[in-house]
Structure formats: C-alpha cells, structure tokens
Amino acid sequence: APLPVVEAGLHLCVRVDSLARERELICAAERVGVEISALSSYWLPDSRTPDDQRAGLVLGFAAVPEAQISEALQALRRAWG
C-alpha cells in the first residue's frame, strides 16, 4: 500500500540576546503579518535558566507552501532590516 501524504513540517529555533529583543522582533514580524512564537514561552516557570537566556524565536513552517515561506522571509528581512 502507498504511504499516506503527510503535511507536516518543522520548527526552526533562533536564539536572541534578550527578552526585550525577542519581543521587539516578534512585534516587527506581526506588523508584516508573519506569526512567530517566543521561545521563552516554552520554558518551565521554575527553570533556573536566567530570563534573557531563554530568549529566542520559534519559526514554524508546518504544511506551509514554499512560495509563502519565501514571501514571509522577504517580509521579515524588510521588517528586521
């Protein structure tokens, strides 16, 4: 039997210097219509890792057409320029 078509994707994690920078980049992405998650929101509340060391961006591209990924990357390049 043929394998089923799977429309799944991956996530890319990008570390940034601080929670302030994390928020700044996410807000800029939202302004151009690109949804990005805060890596800091994935940490357990009782973690001993310092807050700024939790900062980062989680970019998901599950089942997103390649053309839309390219458009989103171009929008981010402009927003974060």
Protein backbone atom coordinates (compact mmCIF):
# COMPACT_ATOMS: atom_id res chain seq x y z
CA ALA A 1 0.00 0.00 0.00
CA PRO A 2 1.25 3.52 -0.72
CA LEU A 3 2.33 5.69 2.16
CA PRO A 4 -0.12 8.43 3.17
CA VAL A 5 0.61 12.00 2.26
CA VAL A 6 1.88 13.78 5.36
CA GLU A 7 1.54 17.53 5.55
CA ALA A 8 3.77 18.21 8.47
CA GLY A 9 6.68 20.48 8.93
CA LEU A 10 9.37 21.60 11.23
CA HIS A 11 10.21 24.38 13.58
CA LEU A 12 13.34 26.46 13.49
CA CYS A 13 14.70 27.90 16.72
CA VAL A 14 16.77 31.08 16.65
CA ARG A 15 18.35 32.36 19.86
CA VAL A 16 18.42 36.11 20.54
CA ASP A 17 20.25 38.21 23.14
CA SER A 18 17.41 39.17 25.48
CA LEU A 19 13.69 39.01 26.18
CA ALA A 20 13.45 42.64 25.07
CA ARG A 21 14.96 41.75 21.70
CA GLU A 22 12.68 38.71 21.45
CA ARG A 23 9.61 40.93 21.93
CA GLU A 24 10.93 43.56 19.50
CA LEU A 25 11.48 41.03 16.71
CA ILE A 26 8.13 39.30 17.27
CA CYS A 27 6.25 42.63 17.22
CA ALA A 28 8.02 43.65 14.00
CA ALA A 29 7.11 40.29 12.44
CA GLU A 30 3.46 40.67 13.48
CA ARG A 31 3.33 44.11 11.82
CA VAL A 32 4.15 42.49 8.47
CA GLY A 33 1.79 39.56 9.02
CA VAL A 34 4.30 36.88 10.00
CA GLU A 35 3.50 34.79 13.06
CA ILE A 36 6.45 33.81 15.24
CA SER A 37 6.41 32.29 18.71
CA ALA A 38 8.56 33.32 21.65
CA LEU A 39 11.00 30.62 22.72
CA SER A 40 10.77 31.99 26.27
CA SER A 41 7.14 30.89 26.46
CA TYR A 42 8.25 27.23 26.18
CA TRP A 43 10.32 27.30 29.38
CA LEU A 44 9.01 25.88 32.64
CA PRO A 45 8.21 28.65 35.14
CA ASP A 46 10.55 27.22 37.80
CA SER A 47 13.54 26.95 35.46
CA ARG A 48 16.83 28.21 36.88
CA THR A 49 17.91 29.50 33.47
CA PRO A 50 18.20 33.31 33.59
CA ASP A 51 15.33 35.05 31.79
CA ASP A 52 17.40 36.56 28.98
CA GLN A 53 18.99 33.18 28.25
CA ARG A 54 15.51 31.84 27.48
CA ALA A 55 15.00 34.34 24.67
CA GLY A 56 14.59 33.25 21.10
CA LEU A 57 12.27 32.84 18.16
CA VAL A 58 10.40 29.71 17.10
CA LEU A 59 9.53 29.76 13.40
CA GLY A 60 7.10 27.07 12.36
CA PHE A 61 6.51 26.06 8.77
CA ALA A 62 4.25 23.03 9.01
CA ALA A 63 2.28 22.49 5.81
CA VAL A 64 3.14 25.97 4.52
CA PRO A 65 3.60 26.18 0.75
CA GLU A 66 7.14 27.03 -0.30
CA ALA A 67 6.06 30.25 -2.02
CA GLN A 68 4.50 31.51 1.23
CA ILE A 69 7.68 30.70 3.14
CA SER A 70 9.68 32.74 0.65
CA GLU A 71 7.25 35.67 0.94
CA ALA A 72 7.39 35.53 4.73
CA LEU A 73 11.19 35.52 4.71
CA GLN A 74 11.25 38.55 2.44
CA ALA A 75 8.78 40.34 4.74
CA LEU A 76 10.94 39.52 7.76
CA ARG A 77 14.05 40.78 6.01
CA ARG A 78 12.32 44.12 5.47
CA ALA A 79 10.82 44.26 8.97
CA TRP A 80 14.05 43.36 10.72
CA GLY A 81 16.32 45.25 8.26
